C-alpha atoms as a PDB file:
ATOM      1  CA  MET A   1       0.243  -0.502  -0.055  1.00  0.00           C
ATOM      2  CA  SER A   2       1.056   3.539  -0.854  1.00  0.00           C
ATOM      3  CA  CYS A   3       1.617   6.181   1.886  1.00  0.00           C
ATOM      4  CA  ALA A   4      -0.369   8.763  -0.665  1.00  0.00           C
ATOM      5  CA  GLU A   5      -3.177   7.870  -3.148  1.00  0.00           C
ATOM      6  CA  LEU A   6      -4.641  11.527  -4.872  1.00  0.00           C
ATOM      7  CA  TYR A   7      -8.279  11.414  -6.602  1.00  0.00           C
ATOM      8  CA  PHE A   8      -9.443  13.753  -8.389  1.00  0.00           C
ATOM      9  CA  LEU A   9     -13.082  14.202  -7.731  1.00  0.00           C
ATOM     10  CA  GLY A  10     -13.779  17.141 -10.383  1.00  0.00           C
ATOM     11  CA  THR A  11     -11.322  19.161 -12.810  1.00  0.00           C
ATOM     12  CA  GLY A  12     -13.828  21.102 -14.686  1.00  0.00           C
ATOM     13  CA  ALA A  13     -14.481  24.940 -14.782  1.00  0.00           C
ATOM     14  CA  ALA A  14     -17.181  27.167 -12.766  1.00  0.00           C
ATOM     15  CA  VAL A  15     -19.904  26.127 -15.382  1.00  0.00           C
ATOM     16  CA  HIS A  16     -19.141  22.498 -17.082  1.00  0.00           C
ATOM     17  CA  PRO A  17     -22.105  20.712 -18.758  1.00  0.00           C
ATOM     18  CA  ARG A  18     -20.159  16.765 -18.053  1.00  0.00           C
ATOM     19  CA  ARG A  19     -17.481  17.935 -15.387  1.00  0.00           C
ATOM     20  CA  MET A  20     -18.033  18.233 -11.801  1.00  0.00           C
ATOM     21  CA  GLN A  21     -16.030  21.772 -10.268  1.00  0.00           C
ATOM     22  CA  SER A  22     -12.369  21.338  -9.343  1.00  0.00           C
ATOM     23  CA  SER A  23     -11.130  19.298  -5.869  1.00  0.00           C
ATOM     24  CA  LEU A  24      -8.895  16.895  -5.446  1.00  0.00           C
ATOM     25  CA  LEU A  25      -9.015  14.237  -2.088  1.00  0.00           C
ATOM     26  CA  LEU A  26      -5.409  13.586  -0.598  1.00  0.00           C
ATOM     27  CA  ASP A  27      -5.870  10.029   1.059  1.00  0.00           C
ATOM     28  CA  TYR A  28      -2.148  10.625   2.804  1.00  0.00           C
ATOM     29  CA  ARG A  29      -1.583   7.510   5.423  1.00  0.00           C
ATOM     30  CA  GLY A  30      -5.679   7.429   6.293  1.00  0.00           C
ATOM     31  CA  ALA A  31      -6.066  10.973   6.305  1.00  0.00           C
ATOM     32  CA  ALA A  32      -8.468  12.486   3.880  1.00  0.00           C
ATOM     33  CA  VAL A  33      -7.533  16.456   2.685  1.00  0.00           C
ATOM     34  CA  LEU A  34      -9.351  17.825   0.585  1.00  0.00           C
ATOM     35  CA  VAL A  35      -7.563  20.496  -1.726  1.00  0.00           C
ATOM     36  CA  ASP A  36     -10.758  23.284  -2.971  1.00  0.00           C
ATOM     37  CA  ALA A  37     -14.201  22.243  -2.166  1.00  0.00           C
ATOM     38  CA  SER A  38     -16.154  22.717  -4.788  1.00  0.00           C
ATOM     39  CA  CYS A  39     -20.191  22.474  -4.651  1.00  0.00           C
ATOM     40  CA  GLY A  40     -20.182  18.603  -5.611  1.00  0.00           C
ATOM     41  CA  ALA A  41     -17.086  17.438  -3.048  1.00  0.00           C
ATOM     42  CA  ALA A  42     -19.191  16.182  -0.647  1.00  0.00           C
ATOM     43  CA  ASN A  43     -21.339  14.092  -3.138  1.00  0.00           C
ATOM     44  CA  ALA A  44     -18.090  13.423  -4.797  1.00  0.00           C
ATOM     45  CA  LEU A  45     -16.217  12.077  -1.562  1.00  0.00           C
ATOM     46  CA  GLN A  46     -18.859   9.983  -0.476  1.00  0.00           C
ATOM     47  CA  ALA A  47     -19.378   8.106  -3.893  1.00  0.00           C
ATOM     48  CA  LEU A  48     -15.571   7.536  -3.576  1.00  0.00           C
ATOM     49  CA  GLY A  49     -15.775   5.369  -0.393  1.00  0.00           C
ATOM     50  CA  TYR A  50     -14.996   8.619   2.079  1.00  0.00           C
ATOM     51  CA  PRO A  51     -18.126   9.840   4.058  1.00  0.00           C
ATOM     52  CA  PRO A  52     -17.623  13.727   4.211  1.00  0.00           C
ATOM     53  CA  GLU A  53     -16.657  13.281   7.709  1.00  0.00           C
ATOM     54  CA  SER A  54     -13.942  11.780   7.260  1.00  0.00           C
ATOM     55  CA  VAL A  55     -11.748  15.366   6.143  1.00  0.00           C
ATOM     56  CA  GLY A  56      -9.883  16.863   8.867  1.00  0.00           C
ATOM     57  CA  VAL A  57      -8.147  19.572   6.675  1.00  0.00           C
ATOM     58  CA  VAL A  58      -9.179  21.382   3.752  1.00  0.00           C
ATOM     59  CA  PHE A  59      -6.628  23.531   1.059  1.00  0.00           C
ATOM     60  CA  VAL A  60      -8.030  26.455  -0.937  1.00  0.00           C
ATOM     61  CA  THR A  61      -6.092  27.175  -2.807  1.00  0.00           C
ATOM     62  CA  HIS A  62      -7.597  30.244  -4.432  1.00  0.00           C
ATOM     63  CA  GLY A  63     -10.925  32.411  -3.199  1.00  0.00           C
ATOM     64  CA  HIS A  64     -13.091  31.941  -6.223  1.00  0.00           C
ATOM     65  CA  TYR A  65     -16.517  30.406  -5.665  1.00  0.00           C
ATOM     66  CA  ASP A  66     -16.091  27.676  -7.454  1.00  0.00           C
ATOM     67  CA  HIS A  67     -13.531  26.483  -5.020  1.00  0.00           C
ATOM     68  CA  VAL A  68     -14.714  26.826  -1.862  1.00  0.00           C
ATOM     69  CA  CYS A  69     -18.508  26.963  -2.499  1.00  0.00           C
ATOM     70  CA  GLY A  70     -18.603  23.190  -0.821  1.00  0.00           C
ATOM     71  CA  LEU A  71     -17.339  24.260   2.727  1.00  0.00           C
ATOM     72  CA  GLY A  72     -20.777  24.938   4.310  1.00  0.00           C
ATOM     73  CA  LEU A  73     -22.053  21.374   3.080  1.00  0.00           C
ATOM     74  CA  LEU A  74     -19.080  20.020   4.159  1.00  0.00           C
ATOM     75  CA  SER A  75     -19.319  21.465   7.698  1.00  0.00           C
ATOM     76  CA  PHE A  76     -22.472  20.986   8.220  1.00  0.00           C
ATOM     77  CA  VAL A  77     -21.976  16.952   7.285  1.00  0.00           C
ATOM     78  CA  LYS A  78     -19.796  17.207  10.254  1.00  0.00           C
ATOM     79  CA  SER A  79     -21.622  18.960  12.563  1.00  0.00           C
ATOM     80  CA  PHE A  80     -24.344  15.925  12.586  1.00  0.00           C
ATOM     81  CA  ARG A  81     -21.786  12.670  12.136  1.00  0.00           C
ATOM     82  CA  GLY A  82     -18.643  14.285  13.671  1.00  0.00           C
ATOM     83  CA  GLY A  83     -15.290  13.142  12.707  1.00  0.00           C
ATOM     84  CA  PRO A  84     -12.179  15.196  13.217  1.00  0.00           C
ATOM     85  CA  PRO A  85     -11.810  18.865  13.421  1.00  0.00           C
ATOM     86  CA  LEU A  86     -11.903  20.500   9.934  1.00  0.00           C
ATOM     87  CA  THR A  87      -9.014  22.796   9.857  1.00  0.00           C
ATOM     88  CA  LEU A  88      -8.976  25.075   6.728  1.00  0.00           C
ATOM     89  CA  TYR A  89      -5.719  26.601   4.910  1.00  0.00           C
ATOM     90  CA  THR A  90      -6.177  29.524   3.162  1.00  0.00           C
ATOM     91  CA  PRO A  91      -3.878  31.868   0.949  1.00  0.00           C
ATOM     92  CA  ARG A  92      -3.569  34.955   2.724  1.00  0.00           C
ATOM     93  CA  PRO A  93      -5.395  38.236   2.047  1.00  0.00           C
ATOM     94  CA  ARG A  94      -3.743  40.301  -1.125  1.00  0.00           C
ATOM     95  CA  ARG A  95      -3.702  44.230  -0.241  1.00  0.00           C
ATOM     96  CA  VAL A  96      -5.169  46.266  -3.084  1.00  0.00           C
ATOM     97  CA  LEU A  97      -3.940  49.120  -3.855  1.00  0.00           C
END
């Protein structure tokens, strides 16, 4: 068994007729790490055999809606089903001049 496995949950743009929005799941030695939480991430996790509440860490690559719109549902599911506390990593805010 490898120490890490990477799954593409979605690779589409914000609006795409056949592909879900961008999300990746990294299974690192049994720890579920989500990179971007698209709107369909919770359903894609479940379909892959990873209950959404198993995710303990989410990395957000940038603040576009299609990369964060699934955070609400993920948090909601975890509040009812339990699982590890959710740790969220986001990019530093940029100062606009």
